[in-house]
Amino acid sequence: MSMNQRRDDWQAGVLGDLTGTPQAAPAPQSAQGPQAPQSAQAPQAPPASQGPQAHEAPAAPLPVQPHAPVPQQQAAPQQAAAPAPQQAYARQYTPQAPQARAPETVPVPGSEAPAGRPRHGDPLARRTLRTLRGALGSSVAKAVAAETELATQVQQPVTTGRQIVVTSIRGGSGKTTVTALLSRTYNHFRHDPVLTLEADAALGTLPVRLGVPSLRWTCADLAQIVRPSMQLTDITGYLVPLPDGGWLLPGSQGRIGAQVDVATYRTVMVALRRYFGVTVVDCETLPGEVARTALDTAHARVLTAPATTEGLVSTHAVLDWLGSLPVPVLPRTVVVLTVQAPHPAVDLGKAVEKLRATGAGVVVLPYDRHLASGGAVKSELLGFQTREAAMRLAADVLQRAVALPASGAAR
């Protein structure tokens, strides 16, 4: 009897809900029915401001959805804005990436070798005789006048950076020694920045000749980081300062395999020519690809050759080849005959005359004991004739580089 009464009460409650008749007593029991969540949440569904959504209340979660996305919509802009500081941080420190690949400073190979007693270029007897002549005043005024004229030519101003390339026909002809002499001469007399660059694919000895104790950045390293916006102070931070002034950019750190290719050479020379009044390049031996590129783009070129019969024959062959090029380059070429013995076996006078007939300039670099002993070139130990020949060479080459335009990209 009790069960039937409860069933009747439940049915009466359902009928009351359907007909809209209020049933106070069954309300707590109807909360356990299947449709109780709908009737229980219907009065709570929307506030007065959300009245248009009251007709969508058959499902209980719907009235809550307008409030649920609110924290997500507020968090979304925060998540979108969060990467902005990270991107700004990455952009701020991106230019420092090359510093992570900065090369280590290494000593110059051979710089720590025990050096013997330095030898002067001239023997003692020759220096004594010259001192006596100077005391008597027989030729002092004439020598001073000639040296002053050469110094004036070396100091002449330039409108744009002049690039002078030193190359050779064969190894052992004094190419690096001549480069070091030109570098020291220009650094001593000129007041604008002077750069000495090593573009030899082999293991060159230019750092040793210039007295540099250690190396760090090379041509290949600088070609990757140089930018047109850099100032001279930025560029010199990657170069090696020389004891007598000027800077050096080595081609390698003395390791086999580090070579200067044509692309690297062009990039470095084009980027650096506006910073330096004169750039002296110690190039590789002909007929290398870099050497031919350097000869074509330089304002003036120096061709070193030994003062021997074989050296003269090879020099004539190279000059004939240069003369056959479409662009005249012989007027901007100077041949340096390096005397490697105290008493040469060839007639230097006739050799110079034949070489000058081709249209190129010729300078004879006499035998010098200081240069022959190797090591760093020191101006105070050079012989008198060697210093004079170095000044004549520097003046002649610069005069040709200034007076005549370049044939390649270095105009």
Protein backbone atom coordinates (compact mmCIF):
# COMPACT_ATOMS: atom_id res chain seq x y z
CA MET A 1 0.00 0.00 0.00
CA SER A 2 2.86 2.31 0.74
CA MET A 3 4.48 1.61 -2.63
CA ASN A 4 1.31 2.42 -4.54
CA GLN A 5 0.92 5.67 -2.67
CA ARG A 6 4.47 6.70 -3.54
CA ARG A 7 3.93 5.82 -7.21
CA ASP A 8 0.76 7.91 -7.26
CA ASP A 9 2.54 10.80 -5.65
CA TRP A 10 5.37 10.63 -8.20
CA GLN A 11 2.97 10.50 -11.11
CA ALA A 12 1.01 13.38 -9.64
CA GLY A 13 4.22 15.36 -9.35
CA VAL A 14 5.07 14.75 -13.00
CA LEU A 15 1.60 15.75 -14.09
CA GLY A 16 1.86 18.84 -11.98
CA ASP A 17 5.14 19.81 -13.66
CA LEU A 18 3.66 19.30 -17.10
CA THR A 19 0.48 21.26 -16.37
CA GLY A 20 2.26 24.02 -14.46
CA THR A 21 0.39 23.25 -11.20
CA PRO A 22 2.61 23.94 -8.17
CA GLN A 23 3.42 20.87 -6.11
CA ALA A 24 5.18 21.83 -2.92
CA ALA A 25 5.54 18.43 -1.37
CA PRO A 26 6.91 16.42 -4.30
CA ALA A 27 9.59 18.99 -5.10
CA PRO A 28 12.29 17.46 -2.94
CA GLN A 29 11.48 13.99 -4.30
CA SER A 30 11.39 15.14 -7.91
CA ALA A 31 15.01 16.36 -7.62
CA GLN A 32 16.06 12.71 -7.88
CA GLY A 33 14.21 12.11 -11.11
CA PRO A 34 15.80 11.98 -14.55
CA GLN A 35 14.52 15.45 -15.54
CA ALA A 36 15.27 17.13 -12.23
CA PRO A 37 18.47 18.89 -13.43
CA GLN A 38 16.54 20.68 -16.18
CA SER A 39 13.77 21.93 -13.87
CA ALA A 40 16.17 22.69 -11.05
CA GLN A 41 18.57 24.83 -13.18
CA ALA A 42 15.95 26.49 -15.32
CA PRO A 43 15.20 29.25 -12.77
CA GLN A 44 18.98 29.81 -12.30
CA ALA A 45 19.94 29.78 -15.94
CA PRO A 46 20.40 33.31 -17.14
CA PRO A 47 20.46 36.59 -15.30
CA ALA A 48 18.30 39.43 -16.49
CA SER A 49 21.01 40.65 -18.85
CA GLN A 50 21.20 37.23 -20.56
CA GLY A 51 17.50 36.82 -21.12
CA PRO A 52 17.74 36.12 -24.89
CA GLN A 53 19.51 32.84 -24.12
CA ALA A 54 16.82 31.54 -21.74
CA HIS A 55 15.16 29.60 -24.57
CA GLU A 56 18.34 27.58 -25.06
CA ALA A 57 18.27 26.26 -21.49
CA PRO A 58 17.21 22.64 -22.14
CA ALA A 59 20.85 21.65 -21.70
CA ALA A 60 22.26 22.61 -18.34
CA PRO A 61 25.79 23.66 -19.43
CA LEU A 62 24.54 26.26 -21.91
CA PRO A 63 23.88 29.04 -19.38
CA VAL A 64 27.39 28.61 -18.05
CA GLN A 65 29.15 28.81 -21.45
CA PRO A 66 29.03 32.62 -21.76
CA HIS A 67 31.11 32.83 -18.58
CA ALA A 68 33.46 29.94 -19.27
CA PRO A 69 35.35 31.47 -22.22
CA VAL A 70 35.98 34.69 -20.35
CA PRO A 71 39.20 33.58 -18.60
CA GLN A 72 40.34 31.90 -21.82
CA GLN A 73 39.81 35.05 -23.86
CA GLN A 74 41.71 37.02 -21.28
CA ALA A 75 44.58 34.54 -21.23
CA ALA A 76 44.81 34.30 -25.00
CA PRO A 77 46.28 37.77 -25.50
CA GLN A 78 48.78 37.05 -22.76
CA GLN A 79 49.92 33.90 -24.52
CA ALA A 80 50.15 35.72 -27.85
CA ALA A 81 52.11 38.56 -26.32
CA ALA A 82 54.48 36.32 -24.37
CA PRO A 83 56.82 35.48 -27.32
CA ALA A 84 57.33 39.16 -28.09
CA PRO A 85 60.02 39.71 -25.41
CA GLN A 86 61.70 36.48 -26.49
CA GLN A 87 61.77 37.60 -30.11
CA ALA A 88 63.12 40.98 -29.09
CA TYR A 89 65.75 39.26 -26.96
CA ALA A 90 66.77 37.06 -29.88
CA ARG A 91 66.98 40.02 -32.23
CA GLN A 92 69.03 41.94 -29.71
CA TYR A 93 71.70 39.27 -29.35
CA THR A 94 71.73 37.90 -32.89
CA PRO A 95 74.64 40.20 -33.98
CA GLN A 96 76.80 38.61 -31.30
CA ALA A 97 76.69 35.24 -33.04
CA PRO A 98 80.10 35.69 -34.78
CA GLN A 99 81.72 36.13 -31.37
CA ALA A 100 80.95 32.51 -30.58
CA ARG A 101 83.09 31.48 -33.55
CA ALA A 102 85.96 33.82 -32.77
CA PRO A 103 89.30 32.11 -33.48
CA GLU A 104 91.88 31.62 -30.80
CA THR A 105 95.10 33.60 -30.67
CA VAL A 106 98.03 31.44 -31.73
CA PRO A 107 101.75 32.25 -31.81
CA VAL A 108 103.40 32.80 -35.16
CA PRO A 109 105.26 29.64 -36.23
CA GLY A 110 108.97 30.28 -35.83
CA SER A 111 108.57 33.43 -33.73
CA GLU A 112 109.73 31.63 -30.60
CA ALA A 113 112.80 30.12 -32.27
CA PRO A 114 116.11 31.26 -30.76
CA ALA A 115 117.45 34.13 -32.83
CA GLY A 116 121.13 34.55 -33.46
CA ARG A 117 123.13 37.71 -33.37
CA PRO A 118 121.59 40.32 -35.69
CA ARG A 119 123.75 41.21 -38.66
CA HIS A 120 123.87 44.60 -40.31
CA GLY A 121 123.21 44.73 -44.01
CA ASP A 122 126.53 46.43 -44.77
CA PRO A 123 129.90 45.14 -43.57
CA LEU A 124 131.77 47.19 -41.02
CA ALA A 125 134.34 48.42 -43.56
CA ARG A 126 131.66 49.79 -45.87
CA ARG A 127 129.87 51.57 -43.03
CA THR A 128 133.14 53.11 -41.84
CA LEU A 129 133.97 54.39 -45.31
CA ARG A 130 130.53 55.93 -45.67
CA THR A 131 130.88 57.63 -42.30
CA LEU A 132 134.19 59.16 -43.36
CA ARG A 133 132.68 60.43 -46.59
CA GLY A 134 129.84 61.96 -44.64
CA ALA A 135 132.27 63.71 -42.33
CA LEU A 136 134.11 65.19 -45.30
CA GLY A 137 130.80 66.31 -46.82
CA SER A 138 131.66 65.08 -50.28
CA SER A 139 128.22 63.70 -51.23
CA VAL A 140 126.00 64.27 -48.20
CA ALA A 141 123.99 67.12 -49.71
CA LYS A 142 123.28 65.18 -52.88
CA ALA A 143 122.16 62.07 -50.96
CA VAL A 144 119.90 64.12 -48.70
CA ALA A 145 118.28 65.84 -51.67
CA ALA A 146 117.62 62.52 -53.41
CA GLU A 147 116.15 60.99 -50.27
CA THR A 148 113.91 64.01 -49.71
CA GLU A 149 112.56 63.77 -53.24
CA LEU A 150 111.77 60.07 -52.82
CA ALA A 151 110.09 60.70 -49.46
CA THR A 152 107.88 63.34 -51.07
CA GLN A 153 106.73 60.88 -53.71
CA VAL A 154 106.01 58.22 -51.09
CA GLN A 155 103.94 60.72 -49.09
CA GLN A 156 101.83 61.94 -52.00
CA PRO A 157 98.09 61.98 -51.23
CA VAL A 158 95.61 59.57 -52.77
CA THR A 159 91.94 60.14 -53.51
CA THR A 160 90.94 56.52 -52.93
CA GLY A 161 92.74 53.55 -51.47
CA ARG A 162 95.56 52.26 -53.68
CA GLN A 163 96.11 48.50 -53.88
CA ILE A 164 99.62 47.25 -54.69
CA VAL A 165 100.08 43.53 -55.36
CA VAL A 166 103.43 41.77 -54.99
CA THR A 167 103.79 38.45 -56.79
CA SER A 168 106.55 36.32 -58.27
CA ILE A 169 107.30 33.81 -60.97
CA ARG A 170 108.75 31.17 -58.70
CA GLY A 171 109.26 30.58 -55.01
CA GLY A 172 112.36 31.88 -53.26
CA SER A 173 112.58 35.08 -55.29
CA GLY A 174 112.16 37.42 -52.32
CA LYS A 175 108.45 38.16 -52.78
CA THR A 176 107.63 38.27 -49.08
CA THR A 177 110.80 40.22 -48.31
CA VAL A 178 109.88 42.88 -50.85
CA THR A 179 106.37 43.05 -49.38
CA ALA A 180 107.82 43.62 -45.91
CA LEU A 181 110.11 46.37 -47.22
CA LEU A 182 107.23 48.16 -48.93
CA SER A 183 105.08 47.83 -45.83
CA ARG A 184 107.70 49.34 -43.54
CA THR A 185 108.46 52.15 -46.00
CA TYR A 186 104.83 53.22 -46.39
CA ASN A 187 104.17 52.92 -42.66
CA HIS A 188 107.19 55.08 -41.89
CA PHE A 189 106.54 57.93 -44.33
CA ARG A 190 102.77 58.03 -44.81
CA HIS A 191 100.29 59.48 -42.32
CA ASP A 192 97.17 57.66 -43.51
CA PRO A 193 96.35 54.05 -42.52
CA VAL A 194 98.39 51.39 -44.33
CA LEU A 195 97.34 47.74 -44.53
CA THR A 196 99.52 44.75 -45.36
CA LEU A 197 97.53 41.72 -46.47
CA GLU A 198 98.70 38.16 -46.95
CA ALA A 199 96.91 36.39 -49.80
CA ASP A 200 99.28 33.47 -50.23
CA ALA A 201 97.59 30.08 -50.33
CA ALA A 202 100.77 28.43 -49.11
CA LEU A 203 102.25 28.84 -45.63
CA GLY A 204 103.66 32.33 -46.05
CA THR A 205 106.28 33.91 -43.82
CA LEU A 206 105.01 37.49 -43.93
CA PRO A 207 104.13 37.61 -40.19
CA VAL A 208 107.67 36.49 -39.38
CA ARG A 209 109.19 39.12 -41.68
CA LEU A 210 107.08 41.83 -40.06
CA GLY A 211 107.96 40.77 -36.51
CA VAL A 212 104.43 39.78 -35.43
CA PRO A 213 104.38 37.53 -32.33
CA SER A 214 100.82 36.13 -32.61
CA LEU A 215 97.85 35.87 -34.96
CA ARG A 216 94.11 35.55 -34.57
CA TRP A 217 91.77 36.69 -37.35
CA THR A 218 92.51 35.74 -40.96
CA CYS A 219 91.20 36.81 -44.36
CA ALA A 220 88.59 34.05 -44.38
CA ASP A 221 87.38 35.02 -40.90
CA LEU A 222 87.08 38.71 -41.72
CA ALA A 223 85.29 38.00 -45.01
CA GLN A 224 82.42 36.42 -43.05
CA ILE A 225 81.82 39.29 -40.63
CA VAL A 226 82.84 42.49 -42.46
CA ARG A 227 79.95 44.89 -43.04
CA PRO A 228 79.76 48.22 -44.92
CA SER A 229 78.56 49.96 -41.74
CA MET A 230 81.81 49.23 -39.88
CA GLN A 231 84.14 52.06 -38.95
CA LEU A 232 87.93 52.03 -39.13
CA THR A 233 88.12 51.40 -35.39
CA ASP A 234 85.91 48.34 -35.83
CA ILE A 235 88.04 46.98 -38.66
CA THR A 236 91.37 47.47 -36.88
CA GLY A 237 90.06 45.42 -33.97
CA TYR A 238 90.34 42.35 -36.22
CA LEU A 239 93.82 43.23 -37.54
CA VAL A 240 97.31 42.74 -36.14
CA PRO A 241 99.09 46.00 -35.26
CA LEU A 242 102.64 46.19 -36.59
CA PRO A 243 105.58 47.40 -34.49
CA ASP A 244 106.40 50.26 -36.90
CA GLY A 245 102.78 51.26 -37.52
CA GLY A 246 100.08 49.99 -39.80
CA TRP A 247 98.21 46.71 -39.63
CA LEU A 248 98.48 43.16 -40.93
CA LEU A 249 95.73 40.79 -42.06
CA PRO A 250 97.25 37.30 -42.35
CA GLY A 251 96.06 34.69 -44.79
CA SER A 252 96.20 31.85 -42.26
CA GLN A 253 97.37 30.95 -38.79
CA GLY A 254 100.22 28.88 -40.11
CA ARG A 255 98.13 25.75 -40.58
CA ILE A 256 98.05 23.62 -43.69
CA GLY A 257 94.70 23.72 -45.49
CA ALA A 258 93.69 27.30 -44.66
CA GLN A 259 93.72 28.94 -48.09
CA VAL A 260 92.55 32.22 -49.55
CA ASP A 261 90.27 31.68 -52.53
CA VAL A 262 89.16 34.20 -55.12
CA ALA A 263 85.79 34.91 -53.47
CA THR A 264 87.42 35.61 -50.12
CA TYR A 265 90.05 37.84 -51.70
CA ARG A 266 87.50 39.90 -53.60
CA THR A 267 85.25 40.30 -50.56
CA VAL A 268 88.05 41.48 -48.31
CA MET A 269 89.70 43.81 -50.82
CA VAL A 270 86.45 45.49 -51.86
CA ALA A 271 85.38 45.96 -48.25
CA LEU A 272 88.70 47.31 -46.92
CA ARG A 273 89.93 49.56 -49.70
CA ARG A 274 88.00 52.59 -48.42
CA TYR A 275 89.62 52.43 -44.98
CA PHE A 276 93.30 52.46 -45.98
CA GLY A 277 95.29 54.84 -48.14
CA VAL A 278 97.66 52.09 -49.32
CA THR A 279 97.22 48.31 -49.20
CA VAL A 280 100.20 46.07 -49.95
CA VAL A 281 99.27 42.48 -50.83
CA ASP A 282 101.66 39.55 -50.55
CA CYS A 283 100.06 37.41 -53.24
CA GLU A 284 100.68 33.84 -54.29
CA THR A 285 103.08 32.82 -57.05
CA LEU A 286 101.97 32.95 -60.67
CA PRO A 287 100.03 31.48 -62.41
CA GLY A 288 97.70 30.88 -59.44
CA GLU A 289 94.06 31.90 -59.73
CA VAL A 290 94.24 34.36 -56.85
CA ALA A 291 97.44 35.86 -58.29
CA ARG A 292 95.84 36.42 -61.70
CA THR A 293 92.77 37.97 -60.07
CA ALA A 294 94.95 40.22 -57.94
CA LEU A 295 96.99 41.36 -60.94
CA ASP A 296 93.82 42.27 -62.80
CA THR A 297 92.22 44.28 -59.98
CA ALA A 298 95.30 46.05 -58.55
CA HIS A 299 96.29 49.64 -59.17
CA ALA A 300 99.94 48.60 -59.50
CA ARG A 301 101.86 45.34 -59.35
CA VAL A 302 105.35 44.28 -58.34
CA LEU A 303 106.92 41.24 -59.97
CA THR A 304 109.91 39.81 -58.10
CA ALA A 305 112.49 37.63 -59.83
CA PRO A 306 115.93 36.36 -58.85
CA ALA A 307 118.85 38.06 -60.57
CA THR A 308 119.90 34.87 -62.33
CA THR A 309 119.85 33.69 -65.91
CA GLU A 310 116.82 31.49 -65.30
CA GLY A 311 115.04 34.27 -63.46
CA LEU A 312 115.58 36.71 -66.32
CA VAL A 313 114.27 34.24 -68.91
CA SER A 314 111.12 33.58 -66.86
CA THR A 315 110.60 37.30 -66.28
CA HIS A 316 110.71 38.04 -70.01
CA ALA A 317 108.13 35.31 -70.62
CA VAL A 318 105.75 36.77 -68.02
CA LEU A 319 106.19 40.30 -69.35
CA ASP A 320 105.42 39.11 -72.87
CA TRP A 321 102.24 37.49 -71.54
CA LEU A 322 101.23 40.68 -69.72
CA GLY A 323 101.89 42.69 -72.86
CA SER A 324 99.52 40.48 -74.87
CA LEU A 325 96.55 41.19 -72.60
CA PRO A 326 93.76 43.42 -73.98
CA VAL A 327 94.26 45.94 -71.18
CA PRO A 328 97.74 47.52 -70.97
CA VAL A 329 99.19 46.55 -67.61
CA LEU A 330 102.93 46.90 -68.20
CA PRO A 331 102.92 50.66 -67.44
CA ARG A 332 101.65 49.75 -63.95
CA THR A 333 104.19 46.97 -63.40
CA VAL A 334 107.58 47.16 -61.68
CA VAL A 335 110.07 44.28 -61.79
CA VAL A 336 112.33 43.78 -58.77
CA LEU A 337 115.53 41.85 -59.42
CA THR A 338 116.65 40.41 -56.09
CA VAL A 339 120.38 39.79 -55.81
CA GLN A 340 120.88 36.72 -53.64
CA ALA A 341 124.67 36.59 -53.61
CA PRO A 342 127.37 39.19 -52.91
CA HIS A 343 128.69 38.84 -56.46
CA PRO A 344 125.94 38.08 -59.02
CA ALA A 345 126.84 36.12 -62.13
CA VAL A 346 124.74 38.20 -64.53
CA ASP A 347 125.28 41.66 -65.93
CA LEU A 348 122.69 43.67 -64.01
CA GLY A 349 123.08 46.73 -66.25
CA LYS A 350 122.19 44.88 -69.44
CA ALA A 351 119.41 42.94 -67.69
CA VAL A 352 117.77 46.15 -66.47
CA GLU A 353 118.01 47.72 -69.92
CA LYS A 354 116.28 44.78 -71.62
CA LEU A 355 113.51 44.62 -69.05
CA ARG A 356 112.79 48.35 -69.25
CA ALA A 357 112.40 48.03 -73.01
CA THR A 358 109.14 46.16 -72.39
CA GLY A 359 107.55 49.21 -70.74
CA ALA A 360 107.79 48.01 -67.16
CA GLY A 361 109.81 49.64 -64.40
CA VAL A 362 112.85 47.88 -62.95
CA VAL A 363 114.47 48.16 -59.51
CA VAL A 364 117.48 46.14 -58.36
CA LEU A 365 117.42 45.03 -54.72
CA PRO A 366 121.07 44.47 -53.78
CA TYR A 367 122.38 41.70 -51.62
CA ASP A 368 121.85 42.48 -47.94
CA ARG A 369 123.25 40.39 -45.12
CA HIS A 370 120.39 41.32 -42.82
CA LEU A 371 117.74 40.22 -45.31
CA ALA A 372 119.67 37.07 -46.18
CA SER A 373 119.77 35.97 -42.54
CA GLY A 374 115.95 35.78 -42.33
CA GLY A 375 113.70 36.77 -39.46
CA ALA A 376 112.05 40.12 -38.86
CA VAL A 377 113.09 42.97 -41.13
CA LYS A 378 114.46 45.88 -39.09
CA SER A 379 114.99 49.19 -40.82
CA GLU A 380 117.97 50.17 -38.67
CA LEU A 381 119.88 47.05 -39.77
CA LEU A 382 119.32 47.45 -43.50
CA GLY A 383 122.20 48.38 -45.73
CA PHE A 384 122.36 51.86 -47.21
CA GLN A 385 121.76 50.71 -50.78
CA THR A 386 118.92 48.44 -49.62
CA ARG A 387 117.10 51.32 -47.92
CA GLU A 388 117.59 53.47 -51.00
CA ALA A 389 116.26 50.72 -53.29
CA ALA A 390 113.23 50.20 -51.03
CA MET A 391 112.39 53.91 -51.15
CA ARG A 392 112.79 54.08 -54.93
CA LEU A 393 110.56 51.04 -55.31
CA ALA A 394 107.87 52.45 -52.99
CA ALA A 395 107.91 55.81 -54.78
CA ASP A 396 107.85 54.31 -58.28
CA VAL A 397 105.03 51.87 -57.55
CA LEU A 398 102.85 54.44 -55.82
CA GLN A 399 103.42 56.94 -58.61
CA ARG A 400 102.21 54.39 -61.16
CA ALA A 401 99.24 53.44 -58.96
CA VAL A 402 98.14 57.06 -58.60
CA ALA A 403 98.79 58.24 -62.16
CA LEU A 404 97.12 55.35 -63.98
CA PRO A 405 93.69 53.81 -63.32
CA ALA A 406 93.25 50.17 -62.43
CA SER A 407 92.01 47.74 -65.05
CA GLY A 408 89.74 45.66 -62.81
CA ALA A 409 87.42 46.07 -59.86
CA ALA A 410 89.79 48.23 -57.84
CA ARG A 411 89.22 51.44 -59.80
